[in-house]
Amino acid sequence: MSSPIITIRHLSKQYGDKTVLNDISLDIYPGQIIGYIGPNGAGKSTTVKILTGIIQEYTGEVDVFGKSLRDNILEVKSKVGYIPELAELYDLLTPREYLSFVGKLYHLQDDIIEERSRKMLDSFSLLNNIDQRMDSLSKGMKQKVLITAGLLHNPTIVIMDEPLSGLDANAVILVKELLQALKQEGKTIFYCSHMMDVVEKVSDRIVLINNGRIIADGTIEELRQSSADSLEQIFSRLTSGGDQVQKADDLAAAMNDRG
């Protein structure tokens, strides 16, 4: 097996007295699609923000491309694409203007920015909206612009945090196919989502985090351990601490409780 493209050793992060990440170690290899899942507050977004250089204060070591992230943050950022769930898109700009701005941050030439922007937006059926102000676009349309922006500089590593948020069914199918195409090009995908069915279908390997610790790591077959459970069932069993069906019944009963 090749050398890891991302190496995480004893990574911890605290906010005051609260430990968000607790001694995480992980190797990620080139060409893998990693499904990184966990409940709200488990530490997923904090991991993503460290890998993308947004958070720079942490303990432990993170190496990307064999180099310390701390010491080579701009070089690493130049080869990483980040697609967040929510981002400020400068509502007064058009997709063309916004993508031009992003492309210049990565030192792309104007003609390359224009060509890639038009082709990618056309794939998302957004070419007709390229000169329309962002504040007039729907949430799903803005998400397509975000995905385009994250991939515009042809990154080696793509980090996605709930990238399907707000997308229609056809766009979801397109992104799932896009993930496979990027994998075929040898790119590494770090994919965070609550949509278990998508994670189960697209991921080569699934890492489950809970309370700041990795509690499962393997292929879906390895996580099943000879059972026929879906990823959603595995997730619930390992993280919920109880019977979700019973909890749903209790919630429904509470709505009818007159006290």
C-alpha atoms as a PDB file:
ATOM      1  CA  MET A   1       0.000   0.000   0.000  1.00  0.00           C
ATOM      2  CA  SER A   2       1.176   3.524  -0.769  1.00  0.00           C
ATOM      3  CA  SER A   3       2.101   6.041   1.912  1.00  0.00           C
ATOM      4  CA  PRO A   4      -0.742   7.949   3.605  1.00  0.00           C
ATOM      5  CA  ILE A   5      -1.654  11.280   2.025  1.00  0.00           C
ATOM      6  CA  ILE A   6      -2.993  12.441   5.426  1.00  0.00           C
ATOM      7  CA  THR A   7      -1.549  11.254   8.734  1.00  0.00           C
ATOM      8  CA  ILE A   8      -3.199  12.266  12.021  1.00  0.00           C
ATOM      9  CA  ARG A   9      -1.485  11.396  15.297  1.00  0.00           C
ATOM     10  CA  HIS A  10      -2.883  11.992  18.805  1.00  0.00           C
ATOM     11  CA  LEU A  11      -5.012  14.909  17.636  1.00  0.00           C
ATOM     12  CA  SER A  12      -6.890  16.664  20.427  1.00  0.00           C
ATOM     13  CA  LYS A  13      -8.802  19.922  20.609  1.00  0.00           C
ATOM     14  CA  GLN A  14     -10.388  21.668  23.570  1.00  0.00           C
ATOM     15  CA  TYR A  15     -12.660  24.672  23.909  1.00  0.00           C
ATOM     16  CA  GLY A  16     -12.217  25.753  27.497  1.00  0.00           C
ATOM     17  CA  ASP A  17     -13.019  22.710  29.636  1.00  0.00           C
ATOM     18  CA  LYS A  18     -14.774  20.889  26.805  1.00  0.00           C
ATOM     19  CA  THR A  19     -12.777  18.271  24.889  1.00  0.00           C
ATOM     20  CA  VAL A  20     -14.042  18.144  21.303  1.00  0.00           C
ATOM     21  CA  LEU A  21     -11.380  15.812  19.872  1.00  0.00           C
ATOM     22  CA  ASN A  22      -9.746  13.278  22.157  1.00  0.00           C
ATOM     23  CA  ASP A  23      -6.488  11.653  20.975  1.00  0.00           C
ATOM     24  CA  ILE A  24      -7.500  10.822  17.392  1.00  0.00           C
ATOM     25  CA  SER A  25      -5.068   8.933  15.146  1.00  0.00           C
ATOM     26  CA  LEU A  26      -5.907   8.168  11.526  1.00  0.00           C
ATOM     27  CA  ASP A  27      -4.194   7.358   8.213  1.00  0.00           C
ATOM     28  CA  ILE A  28      -5.886   8.300   4.936  1.00  0.00           C
ATOM     29  CA  TYR A  29      -4.518   6.905   1.671  1.00  0.00           C
ATOM     30  CA  PRO A  30      -4.550   8.391  -1.849  1.00  0.00           C
ATOM     31  CA  GLY A  31      -7.585   7.597  -3.973  1.00  0.00           C
ATOM     32  CA  GLN A  32      -9.831   6.685  -1.050  1.00  0.00           C
ATOM     33  CA  ILE A  33     -13.308   8.025  -0.343  1.00  0.00           C
ATOM     34  CA  ILE A  34     -13.529   8.295   3.431  1.00  0.00           C
ATOM     35  CA  GLY A  35     -16.994   8.597   4.955  1.00  0.00           C
ATOM     36  CA  TYR A  36     -16.520  10.501   8.233  1.00  0.00           C
ATOM     37  CA  ILE A  37     -19.682  10.283  10.296  1.00  0.00           C
ATOM     38  CA  GLY A  38     -20.896  10.911  13.813  1.00  0.00           C
ATOM     39  CA  PRO A  39     -23.685  12.542  15.835  1.00  0.00           C
ATOM     40  CA  ASN A  40     -23.949  16.303  16.254  1.00  0.00           C
ATOM     41  CA  GLY A  41     -21.149  17.534  18.494  1.00  0.00           C
ATOM     42  CA  ALA A  42     -19.021  14.423  17.912  1.00  0.00           C
ATOM     43  CA  GLY A  43     -16.068  16.388  16.515  1.00  0.00           C
ATOM     44  CA  LYS A  44     -16.573  16.025  12.740  1.00  0.00           C
ATOM     45  CA  SER A  45     -16.602  19.719  11.862  1.00  0.00           C
ATOM     46  CA  THR A  46     -13.666  20.417  14.162  1.00  0.00           C
ATOM     47  CA  THR A  47     -11.640  17.722  12.367  1.00  0.00           C
ATOM     48  CA  VAL A  48     -12.561  19.270   9.012  1.00  0.00           C
ATOM     49  CA  LYS A  49     -11.623  22.765  10.150  1.00  0.00           C
ATOM     50  CA  ILE A  50      -8.235  21.530  11.330  1.00  0.00           C
ATOM     51  CA  LEU A  51      -7.560  19.682   8.059  1.00  0.00           C
ATOM     52  CA  THR A  52      -8.487  22.778   6.049  1.00  0.00           C
ATOM     53  CA  GLY A  53      -6.351  25.091   8.192  1.00  0.00           C
ATOM     54  CA  ILE A  54      -9.287  27.073   9.577  1.00  0.00           C
ATOM     55  CA  ILE A  55      -8.424  25.957  13.114  1.00  0.00           C
ATOM     56  CA  GLN A  56      -4.691  26.101  13.781  1.00  0.00           C
ATOM     57  CA  GLU A  57      -4.563  25.639  17.551  1.00  0.00           C
ATOM     58  CA  TYR A  58      -4.599  21.972  18.536  1.00  0.00           C
ATOM     59  CA  THR A  59      -2.397  19.334  20.123  1.00  0.00           C
ATOM     60  CA  GLY A  60      -1.018  16.372  18.220  1.00  0.00           C
ATOM     61  CA  GLU A  61       0.363  16.183  14.686  1.00  0.00           C
ATOM     62  CA  VAL A  62      -1.273  16.410  11.278  1.00  0.00           C
ATOM     63  CA  ASP A  63       0.827  15.695   8.169  1.00  0.00           C
ATOM     64  CA  VAL A  64      -0.515  16.227   4.647  1.00  0.00           C
ATOM     65  CA  PHE A  65       1.505  15.163   1.587  1.00  0.00           C
ATOM     66  CA  GLY A  66       4.165  14.036   4.064  1.00  0.00           C
ATOM     67  CA  LYS A  67       4.599  17.557   5.463  1.00  0.00           C
ATOM     68  CA  SER A  68       3.528  19.138   8.722  1.00  0.00           C
ATOM     69  CA  LEU A  69       0.255  21.010   8.249  1.00  0.00           C
ATOM     70  CA  ARG A  70       1.330  23.556  10.853  1.00  0.00           C
ATOM     71  CA  ASP A  71       4.550  24.415   9.033  1.00  0.00           C
ATOM     72  CA  ASN A  72       3.252  24.270   5.438  1.00  0.00           C
ATOM     73  CA  ILE A  73      -0.307  25.508   5.733  1.00  0.00           C
ATOM     74  CA  LEU A  74      -0.445  27.642   2.569  1.00  0.00           C
ATOM     75  CA  GLU A  75       1.175  24.950   0.430  1.00  0.00           C
ATOM     76  CA  VAL A  76      -1.286  22.364   1.745  1.00  0.00           C
ATOM     77  CA  LYS A  77      -4.272  24.681   1.245  1.00  0.00           C
ATOM     78  CA  SER A  78      -3.304  25.175  -2.396  1.00  0.00           C
ATOM     79  CA  LYS A  79      -3.879  21.460  -3.038  1.00  0.00           C
ATOM     80  CA  VAL A  80      -7.012  20.989  -0.927  1.00  0.00           C
ATOM     81  CA  GLY A  81     -10.582  21.745  -1.985  1.00  0.00           C
ATOM     82  CA  TYR A  82     -13.104  22.506   0.743  1.00  0.00           C
ATOM     83  CA  ILE A  83     -16.861  22.324   0.214  1.00  0.00           C
ATOM     84  CA  PRO A  84     -18.712  23.401   3.389  1.00  0.00           C
ATOM     85  CA  GLU A  85     -22.400  23.037   4.134  1.00  0.00           C
ATOM     86  CA  LEU A  86     -22.809  26.750   4.660  1.00  0.00           C
ATOM     87  CA  ALA A  87     -20.552  29.564   3.532  1.00  0.00           C
ATOM     88  CA  GLU A  88     -20.772  33.252   2.882  1.00  0.00           C
ATOM     89  CA  LEU A  89     -21.124  33.637  -0.861  1.00  0.00           C
ATOM     90  CA  TYR A  90     -21.099  37.449  -1.144  1.00  0.00           C
ATOM     91  CA  ASP A  91     -24.723  37.864  -2.189  1.00  0.00           C
ATOM     92  CA  LEU A  92     -24.034  40.918  -4.342  1.00  0.00           C
ATOM     93  CA  LEU A  93     -21.682  38.939  -6.603  1.00  0.00           C
ATOM     94  CA  THR A  94     -22.707  36.728  -9.499  1.00  0.00           C
ATOM     95  CA  PRO A  95     -21.425  33.128  -9.796  1.00  0.00           C
ATOM     96  CA  ARG A  96     -19.018  34.307 -12.507  1.00  0.00           C
ATOM     97  CA  GLU A  97     -17.623  37.071 -10.249  1.00  0.00           C
ATOM     98  CA  TYR A  98     -17.410  34.820  -7.200  1.00  0.00           C
ATOM     99  CA  LEU A  99     -15.628  32.021  -9.061  1.00  0.00           C
ATOM    100  CA  SER A 100     -13.247  34.554 -10.604  1.00  0.00           C
ATOM    101  CA  PHE A 101     -12.450  35.778  -7.082  1.00  0.00           C
ATOM    102  CA  VAL A 102     -11.859  32.217  -5.826  1.00  0.00           C
ATOM    103  CA  GLY A 103      -9.765  31.294  -8.860  1.00  0.00           C
ATOM    104  CA  LYS A 104      -7.498  34.300  -8.373  1.00  0.00           C
ATOM    105  CA  LEU A 105      -6.897  33.249  -4.763  1.00  0.00           C
ATOM    106  CA  TYR A 106      -5.434  30.043  -6.202  1.00  0.00           C
ATOM    107  CA  HIS A 107      -3.428  32.009  -8.820  1.00  0.00           C
ATOM    108  CA  LEU A 108      -5.340  30.540 -11.761  1.00  0.00           C
ATOM    109  CA  GLN A 109      -5.201  32.371 -15.083  1.00  0.00           C
ATOM    110  CA  ASP A 110      -8.333  34.247 -16.152  1.00  0.00           C
ATOM    111  CA  ASP A 111      -8.969  32.078 -19.213  1.00  0.00           C
ATOM    112  CA  ILE A 112      -8.708  28.888 -17.127  1.00  0.00           C
ATOM    113  CA  ILE A 113     -11.097  30.300 -14.515  1.00  0.00           C
ATOM    114  CA  GLU A 114     -13.612  31.250 -17.203  1.00  0.00           C
ATOM    115  CA  GLU A 115     -13.413  27.919 -19.049  1.00  0.00           C
ATOM    116  CA  ARG A 116     -13.671  25.760 -15.932  1.00  0.00           C
ATOM    117  CA  SER A 117     -16.438  27.903 -14.416  1.00  0.00           C
ATOM    118  CA  ARG A 118     -18.583  27.713 -17.536  1.00  0.00           C
ATOM    119  CA  LYS A 119     -18.112  23.969 -18.014  1.00  0.00           C
ATOM    120  CA  MET A 120     -18.757  23.116 -14.354  1.00  0.00           C
ATOM    121  CA  LEU A 121     -21.782  25.385 -14.009  1.00  0.00           C
ATOM    122  CA  ASP A 122     -23.134  23.960 -17.264  1.00  0.00           C
ATOM    123  CA  SER A 123     -22.870  20.450 -15.781  1.00  0.00           C
ATOM    124  CA  PHE A 124     -24.976  21.699 -12.853  1.00  0.00           C
ATOM    125  CA  SER A 125     -27.478  23.338 -15.259  1.00  0.00           C
ATOM    126  CA  LEU A 126     -26.465  26.743 -13.890  1.00  0.00           C
ATOM    127  CA  LEU A 127     -24.819  28.283 -16.935  1.00  0.00           C
ATOM    128  CA  ASN A 128     -27.864  30.468 -17.589  1.00  0.00           C
ATOM    129  CA  ASN A 129     -27.469  31.873 -14.060  1.00  0.00           C
ATOM    130  CA  ILE A 130     -23.764  32.699 -14.324  1.00  0.00           C
ATOM    131  CA  ASP A 131     -24.414  36.471 -14.340  1.00  0.00           C
ATOM    132  CA  GLN A 132     -27.316  36.452 -11.888  1.00  0.00           C
ATOM    133  CA  ARG A 133     -26.742  37.934  -8.438  1.00  0.00           C
ATOM    134  CA  MET A 134     -26.220  35.323  -5.739  1.00  0.00           C
ATOM    135  CA  ASP A 135     -28.965  36.697  -3.494  1.00  0.00           C
ATOM    136  CA  SER A 136     -31.515  35.672  -6.139  1.00  0.00           C
ATOM    137  CA  LEU A 137     -30.363  32.030  -6.213  1.00  0.00           C
ATOM    138  CA  SER A 138     -31.974  29.217  -4.244  1.00  0.00           C
ATOM    139  CA  LYS A 139     -30.086  27.367  -1.494  1.00  0.00           C
ATOM    140  CA  GLY A 140     -29.486  24.421  -3.814  1.00  0.00           C
ATOM    141  CA  MET A 141     -28.173  26.669  -6.579  1.00  0.00           C
ATOM    142  CA  LYS A 142     -25.793  28.346  -4.130  1.00  0.00           C
ATOM    143  CA  GLN A 143     -24.600  24.912  -3.020  1.00  0.00           C
ATOM    144  CA  LYS A 144     -23.763  24.064  -6.634  1.00  0.00           C
ATOM    145  CA  VAL A 145     -21.692  27.259  -6.841  1.00  0.00           C
ATOM    146  CA  LEU A 146     -19.921  26.234  -3.609  1.00  0.00           C
ATOM    147  CA  ILE A 147     -19.104  22.799  -5.036  1.00  0.00           C
ATOM    148  CA  THR A 148     -17.774  24.424  -8.206  1.00  0.00           C
ATOM    149  CA  ALA A 149     -15.646  26.833  -6.152  1.00  0.00           C
ATOM    150  CA  GLY A 150     -14.188  23.994  -4.076  1.00  0.00           C
ATOM    151  CA  LEU A 151     -13.123  22.059  -7.177  1.00  0.00           C
ATOM    152  CA  LEU A 152     -12.124  24.952  -9.439  1.00  0.00           C
ATOM    153  CA  HIS A 153      -8.374  24.663  -8.759  1.00  0.00           C
ATOM    154  CA  ASN A 154      -8.361  20.879  -9.393  1.00  0.00           C
ATOM    155  CA  PRO A 155      -7.347  19.903  -5.832  1.00  0.00           C
ATOM    156  CA  THR A 156      -5.657  16.619  -4.916  1.00  0.00           C
ATOM    157  CA  ILE A 157      -7.654  16.291  -1.691  1.00  0.00           C
ATOM    158  CA  VAL A 158     -11.342  17.206  -1.542  1.00  0.00           C
ATOM    159  CA  ILE A 159     -12.945  17.769   1.860  1.00  0.00           C
ATOM    160  CA  MET A 160     -16.742  17.845   1.823  1.00  0.00           C
ATOM    161  CA  ASP A 161     -18.905  18.763   4.830  1.00  0.00           C
ATOM    162  CA  GLU A 162     -22.561  17.964   4.058  1.00  0.00           C
ATOM    163  CA  PRO A 163     -22.089  18.822   0.347  1.00  0.00           C
ATOM    164  CA  LEU A 164     -25.584  17.639  -0.635  1.00  0.00           C
ATOM    165  CA  SER A 165     -27.392  20.172   1.545  1.00  0.00           C
ATOM    166  CA  GLY A 166     -30.264  21.727  -0.396  1.00  0.00           C
ATOM    167  CA  LEU A 167     -29.578  19.859  -3.640  1.00  0.00           C
ATOM    168  CA  ASP A 168     -32.377  18.379  -5.719  1.00  0.00           C
ATOM    169  CA  ALA A 169     -32.485  14.659  -6.516  1.00  0.00           C
ATOM    170  CA  ASN A 170     -30.758  14.973  -9.901  1.00  0.00           C
ATOM    171  CA  ALA A 171     -27.948  17.065  -8.423  1.00  0.00           C
ATOM    172  CA  VAL A 172     -27.453  14.486  -5.639  1.00  0.00           C
ATOM    173  CA  ILE A 173     -27.076  11.763  -8.273  1.00  0.00           C
ATOM    174  CA  LEU A 174     -24.619  13.968 -10.182  1.00  0.00           C
ATOM    175  CA  VAL A 175     -22.471  14.588  -7.079  1.00  0.00           C
ATOM    176  CA  LYS A 176     -22.411  10.862  -6.264  1.00  0.00           C
ATOM    177  CA  GLU A 177     -21.174  10.145  -9.795  1.00  0.00           C
ATOM    178  CA  LEU A 178     -18.701  13.019  -9.477  1.00  0.00           C
ATOM    179  CA  LEU A 179     -17.205  11.421  -6.357  1.00  0.00           C
ATOM    180  CA  GLN A 180     -16.514   8.234  -8.292  1.00  0.00           C
ATOM    181  CA  ALA A 181     -14.995  10.208 -11.181  1.00  0.00           C
ATOM    182  CA  LEU A 182     -12.701  12.095  -8.799  1.00  0.00           C
ATOM    183  CA  LYS A 183     -11.670   8.811  -7.187  1.00  0.00           C
ATOM    184  CA  GLN A 184     -10.822   7.388 -10.611  1.00  0.00           C
ATOM    185  CA  GLU A 185      -8.522  10.391 -11.117  1.00  0.00           C
ATOM    186  CA  GLY A 186      -6.691   9.386  -7.920  1.00  0.00           C
ATOM    187  CA  LYS A 187      -8.078  12.152  -5.759  1.00  0.00           C
ATOM    188  CA  THR A 188      -8.727  11.613  -2.061  1.00  0.00           C
ATOM    189  CA  ILE A 189     -12.198  12.469  -0.748  1.00  0.00           C
ATOM    190  CA  PHE A 190     -12.903  13.191   2.936  1.00  0.00           C
ATOM    191  CA  TYR A 191     -16.697  13.123   3.086  1.00  0.00           C
ATOM    192  CA  CYS A 192     -18.730  14.206   6.132  1.00  0.00           C
ATOM    193  CA  SER A 193     -22.479  13.694   6.072  1.00  0.00           C
ATOM    194  CA  HIS A 194     -25.534  12.675   8.058  1.00  0.00           C
ATOM    195  CA  MET A 195     -27.015  11.019   4.956  1.00  0.00           C
ATOM    196  CA  MET A 196     -26.124   7.432   5.841  1.00  0.00           C
ATOM    197  CA  ASP A 197     -27.439   5.858   2.644  1.00  0.00           C
ATOM    198  CA  VAL A 198     -25.154   8.049   0.523  1.00  0.00           C
ATOM    199  CA  VAL A 199     -22.127   7.480   2.784  1.00  0.00           C
ATOM    200  CA  GLU A 200     -22.717   3.727   2.657  1.00  0.00           C
ATOM    201  CA  LYS A 201     -22.871   3.715  -1.144  1.00  0.00           C
ATOM    202  CA  VAL A 202     -19.941   5.992  -1.991  1.00  0.00           C
ATOM    203  CA  SER A 203     -17.348   5.304   0.729  1.00  0.00           C
ATOM    204  CA  ASP A 204     -14.418   2.911   0.457  1.00  0.00           C
ATOM    205  CA  ARG A 205     -13.944   3.241   4.184  1.00  0.00           C
ATOM    206  CA  ILE A 206     -16.123   4.605   6.983  1.00  0.00           C
ATOM    207  CA  VAL A 207     -14.801   6.283  10.130  1.00  0.00           C
ATOM    208  CA  LEU A 208     -17.307   6.758  12.947  1.00  0.00           C
ATOM    209  CA  ILE A 209     -16.560   9.363  15.602  1.00  0.00           C
ATOM    210  CA  ASN A 210     -18.457   9.850  18.851  1.00  0.00           C
ATOM    211  CA  ASN A 211     -17.644  12.106  21.807  1.00  0.00           C
ATOM    212  CA  GLY A 212     -14.364  13.113  20.175  1.00  0.00           C
ATOM    213  CA  ARG A 213     -13.080   9.559  19.739  1.00  0.00           C
ATOM    214  CA  ILE A 214     -12.997   7.197  16.760  1.00  0.00           C
ATOM    215  CA  ILE A 215     -15.166   4.218  17.705  1.00  0.00           C
ATOM    216  CA  ALA A 216     -15.256   2.384  14.359  1.00  0.00           C
ATOM    217  CA  ASP A 217     -13.082   2.362  11.232  1.00  0.00           C
ATOM    218  CA  GLY A 218     -13.430   0.032   8.270  1.00  0.00           C
ATOM    219  CA  THR A 219     -15.355  -0.897   5.144  1.00  0.00           C
ATOM    220  CA  ILE A 220     -19.109  -1.274   5.422  1.00  0.00           C
ATOM    221  CA  GLU A 221     -18.616  -5.060   5.311  1.00  0.00           C
ATOM    222  CA  GLU A 222     -16.146  -4.891   8.207  1.00  0.00           C
ATOM    223  CA  LEU A 223     -18.481  -2.691  10.243  1.00  0.00           C
ATOM    224  CA  ARG A 224     -21.375  -5.082   9.694  1.00  0.00           C
ATOM    225  CA  GLN A 225     -19.365  -7.976  11.170  1.00  0.00           C
ATOM    226  CA  SER A 226     -21.436 -10.676   9.458  1.00  0.00           C
ATOM    227  CA  SER A 227     -24.773  -8.940  10.119  1.00  0.00           C
ATOM    228  CA  ALA A 228     -27.005  -7.452   7.429  1.00  0.00           C
ATOM    229  CA  ASP A 229     -27.363  -4.118   9.223  1.00  0.00           C
ATOM    230  CA  SER A 230     -27.411  -0.909   7.219  1.00  0.00           C
ATOM    231  CA  LEU A 231     -24.961   1.846   8.074  1.00  0.00           C
ATOM    232  CA  GLU A 232     -27.847   3.731   9.663  1.00  0.00           C
ATOM    233  CA  GLN A 233     -28.518   0.790  11.996  1.00  0.00           C
ATOM    234  CA  ILE A 234     -24.812   0.433  12.819  1.00  0.00           C
ATOM    235  CA  PHE A 235     -24.586   4.172  13.526  1.00  0.00           C
ATOM    236  CA  SER A 236     -27.608   4.045  15.823  1.00  0.00           C
ATOM    237  CA  ARG A 237     -26.349   0.983  17.681  1.00  0.00           C
ATOM    238  CA  LEU A 238     -22.912   2.493  18.349  1.00  0.00           C
ATOM    239  CA  THR A 239     -23.922   6.077  19.177  1.00  0.00           C
ATOM    240  CA  SER A 240     -27.508   6.391  20.398  1.00  0.00           C
ATOM    241  CA  GLY A 241     -27.287   4.518  23.688  1.00  0.00           C
ATOM    242  CA  GLY A 242     -30.804   3.204  23.320  1.00  0.00           C
ATOM    243  CA  ASP A 243     -33.663   1.961  21.172  1.00  0.00           C
ATOM    244  CA  GLN A 244     -34.494   4.619  18.564  1.00  0.00           C
ATOM    245  CA  VAL A 245     -37.895   3.039  17.849  1.00  0.00           C
ATOM    246  CA  GLN A 246     -38.824   3.304  21.528  1.00  0.00           C
ATOM    247  CA  LYS A 247     -37.541   6.888  21.653  1.00  0.00           C
ATOM    248  CA  ALA A 248     -39.714   7.770  18.644  1.00  0.00           C
ATOM    249  CA  ASP A 249     -42.743   6.202  20.328  1.00  0.00           C
ATOM    250  CA  ASP A 250     -41.995   8.177  23.505  1.00  0.00           C
ATOM    251  CA  LEU A 251     -41.733  11.419  21.491  1.00  0.00           C
ATOM    252  CA  ALA A 252     -45.053  10.792  19.787  1.00  0.00           C
ATOM    253  CA  ALA A 253     -46.676   9.950  23.120  1.00  0.00           C
ATOM    254  CA  ALA A 254     -45.299  13.137  24.686  1.00  0.00           C
ATOM    255  CA  MET A 255     -47.132  15.204  22.046  1.00  0.00           C
ATOM    256  CA  ASN A 256     -50.416  13.819  23.336  1.00  0.00           C
ATOM    257  CA  ASP A 257     -49.564  14.110  27.022  1.00  0.00           C
ATOM    258  CA  ARG A 258     -51.910  16.527  28.738  1.00  0.00           C
ATOM    259  CA  GLY A 259     -49.827  16.590  31.904  1.00  0.00           C
END
